[in-house]
Every structure is written in structure tokens, then in C-alpha cells.
């Protein structure tokens, strides 16, 4: 698992802007969603082109946070990447940023019948959870998925972002969600990418400018405080 090291500059910026370490340290669980991004075979299964080995290490934290949020009445949403119908609509990404061999493997692996499209088998996905397919790095950019409508319909205003890769689909989704006026927390030990440097750079940039960064334990504590405050109201 990644060694978390948020930059001191980011920590100082957060406290200067908000007066505390975590702006979202009290989360109403009934208005919260755990958004689990790209925990599917293409990124988790050994041997796939997009494999992020550290993604397998965060599964217990994701499942633990999912169980806590469900118990408190929140939503768990599993989001995976699909390549169906993207040959024309996202052609520049595939054709200019990949070799022909690589983009053909990507297309095939994450089409609806591809092995890479299937969720990682250790994800604790329950019948009451939402499942969403996105077709871009960000789940929230126009045309990528229906996740914004799904969350709005449930009255969700706070998102806990987990999954892989920290600095690609997770960060892209987290930033766009913030721009759409969701309160966003990136869960530092529920995220994974290729190395500690990229992981911590993404979290440090996000923290204090776009939203909050909390560990799994901190997020559970924030949910507990929100639950307690709601009960007392």
C-alpha cells in the first residue's frame, strides 16, 4: 500500500483557507456516497495491460468503508470503465496516445464482453449498491455516465472517492464532481496508482484546492460524527 505523504504546503494551505485540517469532518451518511472507481479486472488482475498492482491492496479498506456507509444509510456506487461505442467519440485519445496494438487491446479488454470489464472478484458488491459504466477518465464529464443524475436523485451531496488510478480516473472524477458542487473527499488509503510519488502528488494538489483528503479511518469517524449530529438534531 502507498506510503501517504501529503505535502506540508498543501496542509498549510488547507488550514489557512478553512481554519482546520479537514473541511468535511462531519458527514451526514444519508447524503453521502462512496464512489469506487475502476476496481475491475483491467486494472486489478495480474497480466492486464492496465494493471495497477497496488489496487489489490486497497480492497479491504474499500470494503470496510462500504460496509460502514451502508450500515448508516448511505450509497455505495461501483463505477467501471467501458470502451463500447468510444472508437469515434474518443478516437484522439486512443489513436494518438497509444500504439495501434495497445489501443486495440484496450478496446477489446473493456468492451462489455471483455475480461477487463468485469469487476475484481474481491469487491464486496451488494444488491443494493449502484453500478455505473463510464466512458472517459472522469465519470462526471458530460456524456461519460449517468452518475450525476443517479446521485442527485438520491439527495447525495458528499462523495468519498476510492479506487484506481489515484491520479487519473479518480482525480479526474473528484475534480469534476467538485465543480458540480459536490463535497468531495479522496480517501488516501483507498486509492492506488503506480507509485508513491504520483499518488501523493495527486492528493497534495487536490487537498485544499478542490476538496478534502482523509484516510479510511478518518472517513469512518467523519461519518460517525455526522450520524451523531443528525440523531441529535
C-alpha atoms as a PDB file:
ATOM      1  CA  UNK A   1       0.000   0.000   0.000  1.00  0.00           C
ATOM      2  CA  UNK A   2       1.167   3.519  -0.669  1.00  0.00           C
ATOM      3  CA  UNK A   3       3.097   5.438   1.960  1.00  0.00           C
ATOM      4  CA  UNK A   4       0.966   8.575   2.361  1.00  0.00           C
ATOM      5  CA  UNK A   5       2.870  11.867   2.442  1.00  0.00           C
ATOM      6  CA  UNK A   6       0.698  14.928   1.835  1.00  0.00           C
ATOM      7  CA  UNK A   7       2.927  17.942   1.269  1.00  0.00           C
ATOM      8  CA  UNK A   8       3.333  20.441   4.096  1.00  0.00           C
ATOM      9  CA  UNK A   9       2.479  23.237   1.655  1.00  0.00           C
ATOM     10  CA  UNK A  10      -0.890  21.597   0.966  1.00  0.00           C
ATOM     11  CA  UNK A  11      -1.554  21.137   4.687  1.00  0.00           C
ATOM     12  CA  UNK A  12      -0.675  24.772   5.368  1.00  0.00           C
ATOM     13  CA  UNK A  13      -2.903  25.908   2.508  1.00  0.00           C
ATOM     14  CA  UNK A  14      -5.834  23.930   3.869  1.00  0.00           C
ATOM     15  CA  UNK A  15      -5.592  25.291   7.402  1.00  0.00           C
ATOM     16  CA  UNK A  16      -5.101  28.842   6.087  1.00  0.00           C
ATOM     17  CA  UNK A  17      -8.188  28.565   3.881  1.00  0.00           C
ATOM     18  CA  UNK A  18     -10.540  26.710   6.217  1.00  0.00           C
ATOM     19  CA  UNK A  19      -9.086  27.037   9.715  1.00  0.00           C
ATOM     20  CA  UNK A  20      -8.902  23.263  10.221  1.00  0.00           C
ATOM     21  CA  UNK A  21      -7.323  20.130   8.805  1.00  0.00           C
ATOM     22  CA  UNK A  22     -10.490  18.642   7.313  1.00  0.00           C
ATOM     23  CA  UNK A  23     -13.327  20.784   5.940  1.00  0.00           C
ATOM     24  CA  UNK A  24     -15.641  17.766   5.698  1.00  0.00           C
ATOM     25  CA  UNK A  25     -15.019  16.255   9.135  1.00  0.00           C
ATOM     26  CA  UNK A  26     -18.754  15.779   9.790  1.00  0.00           C
ATOM     27  CA  UNK A  27     -20.554  13.909   7.007  1.00  0.00           C
ATOM     28  CA  UNK A  28     -24.244  13.046   7.028  1.00  0.00           C
ATOM     29  CA  UNK A  29     -24.086   9.422   5.839  1.00  0.00           C
ATOM     30  CA  UNK A  30     -27.587   9.513   4.360  1.00  0.00           C
ATOM     31  CA  UNK A  31     -26.395  12.239   1.990  1.00  0.00           C
ATOM     32  CA  UNK A  32     -23.081  10.533   1.209  1.00  0.00           C
ATOM     33  CA  UNK A  33     -21.924   8.115  -1.454  1.00  0.00           C
ATOM     34  CA  UNK A  34     -18.806   6.000  -1.649  1.00  0.00           C
ATOM     35  CA  UNK A  35     -17.749   6.160  -5.296  1.00  0.00           C
ATOM     36  CA  UNK A  36     -15.467   3.223  -6.147  1.00  0.00           C
ATOM     37  CA  UNK A  37     -13.713   3.811  -9.449  1.00  0.00           C
ATOM     38  CA  UNK A  38     -12.312   1.227 -11.870  1.00  0.00           C
ATOM     39  CA  UNK A  39     -11.839  -1.673  -9.467  1.00  0.00           C
ATOM     40  CA  UNK A  40     -12.178  -4.046 -12.401  1.00  0.00           C
ATOM     41  CA  UNK A  41     -10.001  -6.715 -13.958  1.00  0.00           C
ATOM     42  CA  UNK A  42      -8.321  -4.395 -16.469  1.00  0.00           C
ATOM     43  CA  UNK A  43      -6.665  -2.528 -13.588  1.00  0.00           C
ATOM     44  CA  UNK A  44      -6.634  -5.134 -10.812  1.00  0.00           C
ATOM     45  CA  UNK A  45      -5.962  -8.506 -12.444  1.00  0.00           C
ATOM     46  CA  UNK A  46      -2.337  -9.509 -12.964  1.00  0.00           C
ATOM     47  CA  UNK A  47      -1.298  -9.511 -16.601  1.00  0.00           C
ATOM     48  CA  UNK A  48      -3.763  -6.974 -17.958  1.00  0.00           C
ATOM     49  CA  UNK A  49      -2.319  -4.059 -19.907  1.00  0.00           C
ATOM     50  CA  UNK A  50      -3.682  -1.504 -17.423  1.00  0.00           C
ATOM     51  CA  UNK A  51      -2.692  -3.396 -14.272  1.00  0.00           C
ATOM     52  CA  UNK A  52      -2.059  -1.277 -11.170  1.00  0.00           C
ATOM     53  CA  UNK A  53      -0.629  -3.806  -8.703  1.00  0.00           C
ATOM     54  CA  UNK A  54      -1.295  -1.634  -5.655  1.00  0.00           C
ATOM     55  CA  UNK A  55      -5.017  -1.651  -6.479  1.00  0.00           C
ATOM     56  CA  UNK A  56      -5.351  -5.118  -4.997  1.00  0.00           C
ATOM     57  CA  UNK A  57      -4.024  -3.876  -1.657  1.00  0.00           C
ATOM     58  CA  UNK A  58      -6.767  -1.281  -1.140  1.00  0.00           C
ATOM     59  CA  UNK A  59      -9.690  -3.702  -1.487  1.00  0.00           C
ATOM     60  CA  UNK A  60     -10.069  -4.335   2.282  1.00  0.00           C
ATOM     61  CA  UNK A  61     -10.253  -0.602   3.032  1.00  0.00           C
ATOM     62  CA  UNK A  62     -12.815  -0.027   0.289  1.00  0.00           C
ATOM     63  CA  UNK A  63     -14.962  -2.903   1.502  1.00  0.00           C
ATOM     64  CA  UNK A  64     -14.711  -1.739   5.122  1.00  0.00           C
ATOM     65  CA  UNK A  65     -15.760   1.797   4.241  1.00  0.00           C
ATOM     66  CA  UNK A  66     -18.570   0.478   2.044  1.00  0.00           C
ATOM     67  CA  UNK A  67     -19.921  -1.659   4.902  1.00  0.00           C
ATOM     68  CA  UNK A  68     -19.851   1.262   7.327  1.00  0.00           C
ATOM     69  CA  UNK A  69     -21.608   3.626   4.933  1.00  0.00           C
ATOM     70  CA  UNK A  70     -24.302   1.087   4.026  1.00  0.00           C
ATOM     71  CA  UNK A  71     -24.976   0.471   7.714  1.00  0.00           C
ATOM     72  CA  UNK A  72     -25.516   4.189   8.202  1.00  0.00           C
ATOM     73  CA  UNK A  73     -27.896   4.542   5.246  1.00  0.00           C
ATOM     74  CA  UNK A  74     -25.535   5.869   2.576  1.00  0.00           C
ATOM     75  CA  UNK A  75     -24.994   4.751  -1.007  1.00  0.00           C
ATOM     76  CA  UNK A  76     -22.156   2.709  -2.479  1.00  0.00           C
ATOM     77  CA  UNK A  77     -21.609   3.229  -6.226  1.00  0.00           C
ATOM     78  CA  UNK A  78     -19.252   0.992  -8.207  1.00  0.00           C
ATOM     79  CA  UNK A  79     -18.017   2.724 -11.357  1.00  0.00           C
ATOM     80  CA  UNK A  80     -16.101   0.914 -14.083  1.00  0.00           C
ATOM     81  CA  UNK A  81     -14.656   1.924 -17.412  1.00  0.00           C
ATOM     82  CA  UNK A  82     -16.108   0.628 -20.671  1.00  0.00           C
ATOM     83  CA  UNK A  83     -14.894   1.159 -24.228  1.00  0.00           C
ATOM     84  CA  UNK A  84     -18.153   0.349 -26.012  1.00  0.00           C
ATOM     85  CA  UNK A  85     -19.003   2.991 -28.643  1.00  0.00           C
ATOM     86  CA  UNK A  86     -15.854   5.052 -27.996  1.00  0.00           C
ATOM     87  CA  UNK A  87     -13.931   4.353 -31.225  1.00  0.00           C
ATOM     88  CA  UNK A  88     -15.225   7.562 -32.794  1.00  0.00           C
ATOM     89  CA  UNK A  89     -16.218   9.648 -29.778  1.00  0.00           C
ATOM     90  CA  UNK A  90     -12.792   9.283 -28.098  1.00  0.00           C
ATOM     91  CA  UNK A  91     -10.683   8.466 -31.124  1.00  0.00           C
ATOM     92  CA  UNK A  92      -7.935  11.031 -30.492  1.00  0.00           C
ATOM     93  CA  UNK A  93      -7.162   9.596 -27.065  1.00  0.00           C
ATOM     94  CA  UNK A  94      -6.831   6.083 -28.385  1.00  0.00           C
ATOM     95  CA  UNK A  95      -5.188   6.722 -31.732  1.00  0.00           C
ATOM     96  CA  UNK A  96      -2.643   9.382 -30.746  1.00  0.00           C
ATOM     97  CA  UNK A  97      -1.826   8.413 -27.144  1.00  0.00           C
ATOM     98  CA  UNK A  98      -1.471   4.666 -27.749  1.00  0.00           C
ATOM     99  CA  UNK A  99       0.203   2.467 -30.283  1.00  0.00           C
ATOM    100  CA  UNK A 100      -2.298   0.644 -32.528  1.00  0.00           C
ATOM    101  CA  UNK A 101      -1.557  -2.612 -30.700  1.00  0.00           C
ATOM    102  CA  UNK A 102      -2.187  -1.072 -27.289  1.00  0.00           C
ATOM    103  CA  UNK A 103      -5.426   0.664 -28.170  1.00  0.00           C
ATOM    104  CA  UNK A 104      -6.833  -2.448 -29.791  1.00  0.00           C
ATOM    105  CA  UNK A 105      -6.053  -4.402 -26.629  1.00  0.00           C
ATOM    106  CA  UNK A 106      -7.699  -1.665 -24.559  1.00  0.00           C
ATOM    107  CA  UNK A 107     -10.828  -1.620 -26.723  1.00  0.00           C
ATOM    108  CA  UNK A 108     -11.193  -5.377 -26.574  1.00  0.00           C
ATOM    109  CA  UNK A 109     -10.473  -5.790 -22.874  1.00  0.00           C
ATOM    110  CA  UNK A 110     -13.014  -3.252 -21.659  1.00  0.00           C
ATOM    111  CA  UNK A 111     -15.825  -3.835 -24.104  1.00  0.00           C
ATOM    112  CA  UNK A 112     -18.896  -5.311 -22.430  1.00  0.00           C
ATOM    113  CA  UNK A 113     -17.785  -8.893 -23.125  1.00  0.00           C
ATOM    114  CA  UNK A 114     -14.126  -8.329 -22.298  1.00  0.00           C
ATOM    115  CA  UNK A 115     -12.416  -9.830 -19.261  1.00  0.00           C
ATOM    116  CA  UNK A 116     -11.125  -6.402 -18.276  1.00  0.00           C
ATOM    117  CA  UNK A 117     -14.669  -5.043 -17.960  1.00  0.00           C
ATOM    118  CA  UNK A 118     -15.594  -7.467 -15.161  1.00  0.00           C
ATOM    119  CA  UNK A 119     -15.385  -6.217 -11.589  1.00  0.00           C
ATOM    120  CA  UNK A 120     -12.490  -7.512  -9.484  1.00  0.00           C
ATOM    121  CA  UNK A 121     -13.734 -10.625  -7.735  1.00  0.00           C
ATOM    122  CA  UNK A 122     -12.843  -9.480  -4.201  1.00  0.00           C
ATOM    123  CA  UNK A 123     -15.024  -6.353  -4.333  1.00  0.00           C
ATOM    124  CA  UNK A 124     -17.849  -6.679  -1.815  1.00  0.00           C
ATOM    125  CA  UNK A 125     -20.622  -5.596  -4.186  1.00  0.00           C
ATOM    126  CA  UNK A 126     -24.105  -5.880  -2.702  1.00  0.00           C
ATOM    127  CA  UNK A 127     -27.504  -5.916  -4.472  1.00  0.00           C
ATOM    128  CA  UNK A 128     -28.440  -2.529  -3.032  1.00  0.00           C
ATOM    129  CA  UNK A 129     -25.317  -0.861  -4.444  1.00  0.00           C
ATOM    130  CA  UNK A 130     -25.363   1.154  -7.656  1.00  0.00           C
ATOM    131  CA  UNK A 131     -23.308   0.076 -10.670  1.00  0.00           C
ATOM    132  CA  UNK A 132     -22.275   2.615 -13.297  1.00  0.00           C
ATOM    133  CA  UNK A 133     -20.274   2.416 -16.531  1.00  0.00           C
ATOM    134  CA  UNK A 134     -18.249   5.433 -17.637  1.00  0.00           C
ATOM    135  CA  UNK A 135     -16.549   6.010 -20.985  1.00  0.00           C
ATOM    136  CA  UNK A 136     -13.970   8.651 -20.038  1.00  0.00           C
ATOM    137  CA  UNK A 137     -11.406   9.108 -17.262  1.00  0.00           C
ATOM    138  CA  UNK A 138     -13.943  11.202 -15.358  1.00  0.00           C
ATOM    139  CA  UNK A 139     -17.310   9.702 -14.509  1.00  0.00           C
ATOM    140  CA  UNK A 140     -18.749  13.214 -14.231  1.00  0.00           C
ATOM    141  CA  UNK A 141     -17.778  14.836 -17.509  1.00  0.00           C
ATOM    142  CA  UNK A 142     -20.664  15.342 -19.937  1.00  0.00           C
ATOM    143  CA  UNK A 143     -21.634  12.143 -21.732  1.00  0.00           C
ATOM    144  CA  UNK A 144     -19.393   9.810 -19.725  1.00  0.00           C
ATOM    145  CA  UNK A 145     -22.036   8.255 -17.454  1.00  0.00           C
ATOM    146  CA  UNK A 146     -25.326   8.817 -15.654  1.00  0.00           C
ATOM    147  CA  UNK A 147     -23.746   9.073 -12.218  1.00  0.00           C
ATOM    148  CA  UNK A 148     -24.586  12.717 -11.554  1.00  0.00           C
ATOM    149  CA  UNK A 149     -28.311  12.125 -12.140  1.00  0.00           C
ATOM    150  CA  UNK A 150     -28.212   8.985 -10.004  1.00  0.00           C
ATOM    151  CA  UNK A 151     -26.619  10.854  -7.093  1.00  0.00           C
ATOM    152  CA  UNK A 152     -28.889  13.894  -7.380  1.00  0.00           C
ATOM    153  CA  UNK A 153     -31.960  11.667  -7.365  1.00  0.00           C
ATOM    154  CA  UNK A 154     -30.755  10.132  -4.102  1.00  0.00           C
ATOM    155  CA  UNK A 155     -30.142  13.522  -2.472  1.00  0.00           C
ATOM    156  CA  UNK A 156     -26.391  12.895  -2.274  1.00  0.00           C
ATOM    157  CA  UNK A 157     -24.186  15.931  -1.618  1.00  0.00           C
ATOM    158  CA  UNK A 158     -20.925  14.350  -0.398  1.00  0.00           C
ATOM    159  CA  UNK A 159     -18.669  11.878  -2.201  1.00  0.00           C
ATOM    160  CA  UNK A 160     -15.944   9.625  -0.849  1.00  0.00           C
ATOM    161  CA  UNK A 161     -13.685   8.720  -3.772  1.00  0.00           C
ATOM    162  CA  UNK A 162     -11.766   5.427  -3.822  1.00  0.00           C
ATOM    163  CA  UNK A 163     -10.310   3.148  -6.496  1.00  0.00           C
ATOM    164  CA  UNK A 164      -7.651   3.394  -9.180  1.00  0.00           C
ATOM    165  CA  UNK A 165      -5.734   5.138 -10.560  1.00  0.00           C
ATOM    166  CA  UNK A 166      -5.413   7.922  -8.000  1.00  0.00           C
ATOM    167  CA  UNK A 167      -4.012  10.490 -10.415  1.00  0.00           C
ATOM    168  CA  UNK A 168      -6.050   9.523 -13.483  1.00  0.00           C
ATOM    169  CA  UNK A 169      -9.704   8.444 -13.293  1.00  0.00           C
ATOM    170  CA  UNK A 170     -10.075   9.054  -9.556  1.00  0.00           C
ATOM    171  CA  UNK A 171      -8.623  12.544  -9.546  1.00  0.00           C
ATOM    172  CA  UNK A 172     -10.418  13.460 -12.787  1.00  0.00           C
ATOM    173  CA  UNK A 173     -13.761  12.324 -11.345  1.00  0.00           C
ATOM    174  CA  UNK A 174     -13.121  14.028  -7.996  1.00  0.00           C
ATOM    175  CA  UNK A 175     -12.267  17.374  -9.584  1.00  0.00           C
ATOM    176  CA  UNK A 176     -15.263  17.337 -11.906  1.00  0.00           C
ATOM    177  CA  UNK A 177     -17.587  16.370  -9.042  1.00  0.00           C
ATOM    178  CA  UNK A 178     -16.321  19.319  -7.022  1.00  0.00           C
ATOM    179  CA  UNK A 179     -17.007  21.613  -9.984  1.00  0.00           C
ATOM    180  CA  UNK A 180     -20.579  20.276  -9.985  1.00  0.00           C
ATOM    181  CA  UNK A 181     -20.892  21.388  -6.333  1.00  0.00           C
ATOM    182  CA  UNK A 182     -20.465  18.069  -4.557  1.00  0.00           C
ATOM    183  CA  UNK A 183     -18.395  17.972  -1.372  1.00  0.00           C
ATOM    184  CA  UNK A 184     -15.565  15.593  -2.261  1.00  0.00           C
ATOM    185  CA  UNK A 185     -13.194  13.564  -0.104  1.00  0.00           C
ATOM    186  CA  UNK A 186     -10.407  11.498  -1.641  1.00  0.00           C
ATOM    187  CA  UNK A 187      -9.721   8.524   0.641  1.00  0.00           C
ATOM    188  CA  UNK A 188      -5.933   8.317   0.695  1.00  0.00           C
ATOM    189  CA  UNK A 189      -5.550   4.641   1.650  1.00  0.00           C
ATOM    190  CA  UNK A 190      -8.497   3.599  -0.507  1.00  0.00           C
ATOM    191  CA  UNK A 191      -6.777   4.778  -3.679  1.00  0.00           C
ATOM    192  CA  UNK A 192      -3.925   3.343  -5.718  1.00  0.00           C
ATOM    193  CA  UNK A 193      -1.674   4.197  -8.625  1.00  0.00           C
ATOM    194  CA  UNK A 194       1.709   3.094  -9.968  1.00  0.00           C
ATOM    195  CA  UNK A 195       3.975   4.652  -7.327  1.00  0.00           C
ATOM    196  CA  UNK A 196       4.006   6.728  -4.152  1.00  0.00           C
ATOM    197  CA  UNK A 197       5.255   9.856  -5.934  1.00  0.00           C
ATOM    198  CA  UNK A 198       2.296  10.059  -8.313  1.00  0.00           C
ATOM    199  CA  UNK A 199      -0.163   9.093  -5.567  1.00  0.00           C
ATOM    200  CA  UNK A 200       0.990  11.776  -3.137  1.00  0.00           C
ATOM    201  CA  UNK A 201       1.340  14.457  -5.803  1.00  0.00           C
ATOM    202  CA  UNK A 202      -2.287  13.957  -6.848  1.00  0.00           C
ATOM    203  CA  UNK A 203      -3.553  14.013  -3.265  1.00  0.00           C
ATOM    204  CA  UNK A 204      -1.470  17.061  -2.338  1.00  0.00           C
ATOM    205  CA  UNK A 205      -2.743  19.064  -5.302  1.00  0.00           C
ATOM    206  CA  UNK A 206      -6.351  18.069  -4.658  1.00  0.00           C
ATOM    207  CA  UNK A 207      -6.174  18.816  -0.934  1.00  0.00           C
ATOM    208  CA  UNK A 208      -7.011  22.383  -0.053  1.00  0.00           C
ATOM    209  CA  UNK A 209      -7.838  23.471  -3.598  1.00  0.00           C
ATOM    210  CA  UNK A 210     -10.539  21.034  -4.671  1.00  0.00           C
ATOM    211  CA  UNK A 211     -11.620  19.145  -1.564  1.00  0.00           C
ATOM    212  CA  UNK A 212     -10.577  17.027   1.375  1.00  0.00           C
ATOM    213  CA  UNK A 213      -8.237  14.068   1.806  1.00  0.00           C
ATOM    214  CA  UNK A 214      -8.914  11.602   4.613  1.00  0.00           C
ATOM    215  CA  UNK A 215      -7.823   8.081   5.484  1.00  0.00           C
ATOM    216  CA  UNK A 216     -10.380   5.281   5.703  1.00  0.00           C
ATOM    217  CA  UNK A 217     -10.408   5.562   9.493  1.00  0.00           C
ATOM    218  CA  UNK A 218     -10.845   9.335   9.326  1.00  0.00           C
ATOM    219  CA  UNK A 219     -13.708   8.998   6.841  1.00  0.00           C
ATOM    220  CA  UNK A 220     -15.470   6.491   9.101  1.00  0.00           C
ATOM    221  CA  UNK A 221     -15.050   8.900  12.018  1.00  0.00           C
ATOM    222  CA  UNK A 222     -16.462  11.747   9.916  1.00  0.00           C
ATOM    223  CA  UNK A 223     -19.479   9.599   9.067  1.00  0.00           C
ATOM    224  CA  UNK A 224     -19.943   8.710  12.731  1.00  0.00           C
ATOM    225  CA  UNK A 225     -19.887  12.381  13.736  1.00  0.00           C
ATOM    226  CA  UNK A 226     -22.405  13.190  11.020  1.00  0.00           C
ATOM    227  CA  UNK A 227     -24.646  10.324  12.145  1.00  0.00           C
ATOM    228  CA  UNK A 228     -24.466  11.532  15.738  1.00  0.00           C
ATOM    229  CA  UNK A 229     -25.222  15.134  14.774  1.00  0.00           C
ATOM    230  CA  UNK A 230     -28.185  14.046  12.665  1.00  0.00           C
ATOM    231  CA  UNK A 231     -29.602  11.944  15.515  1.00  0.00           C
ATOM    232  CA  UNK A 232     -29.283  14.848  17.932  1.00  0.00           C
ATOM    233  CA  UNK A 233     -30.951  17.375  15.628  1.00  0.00           C
END
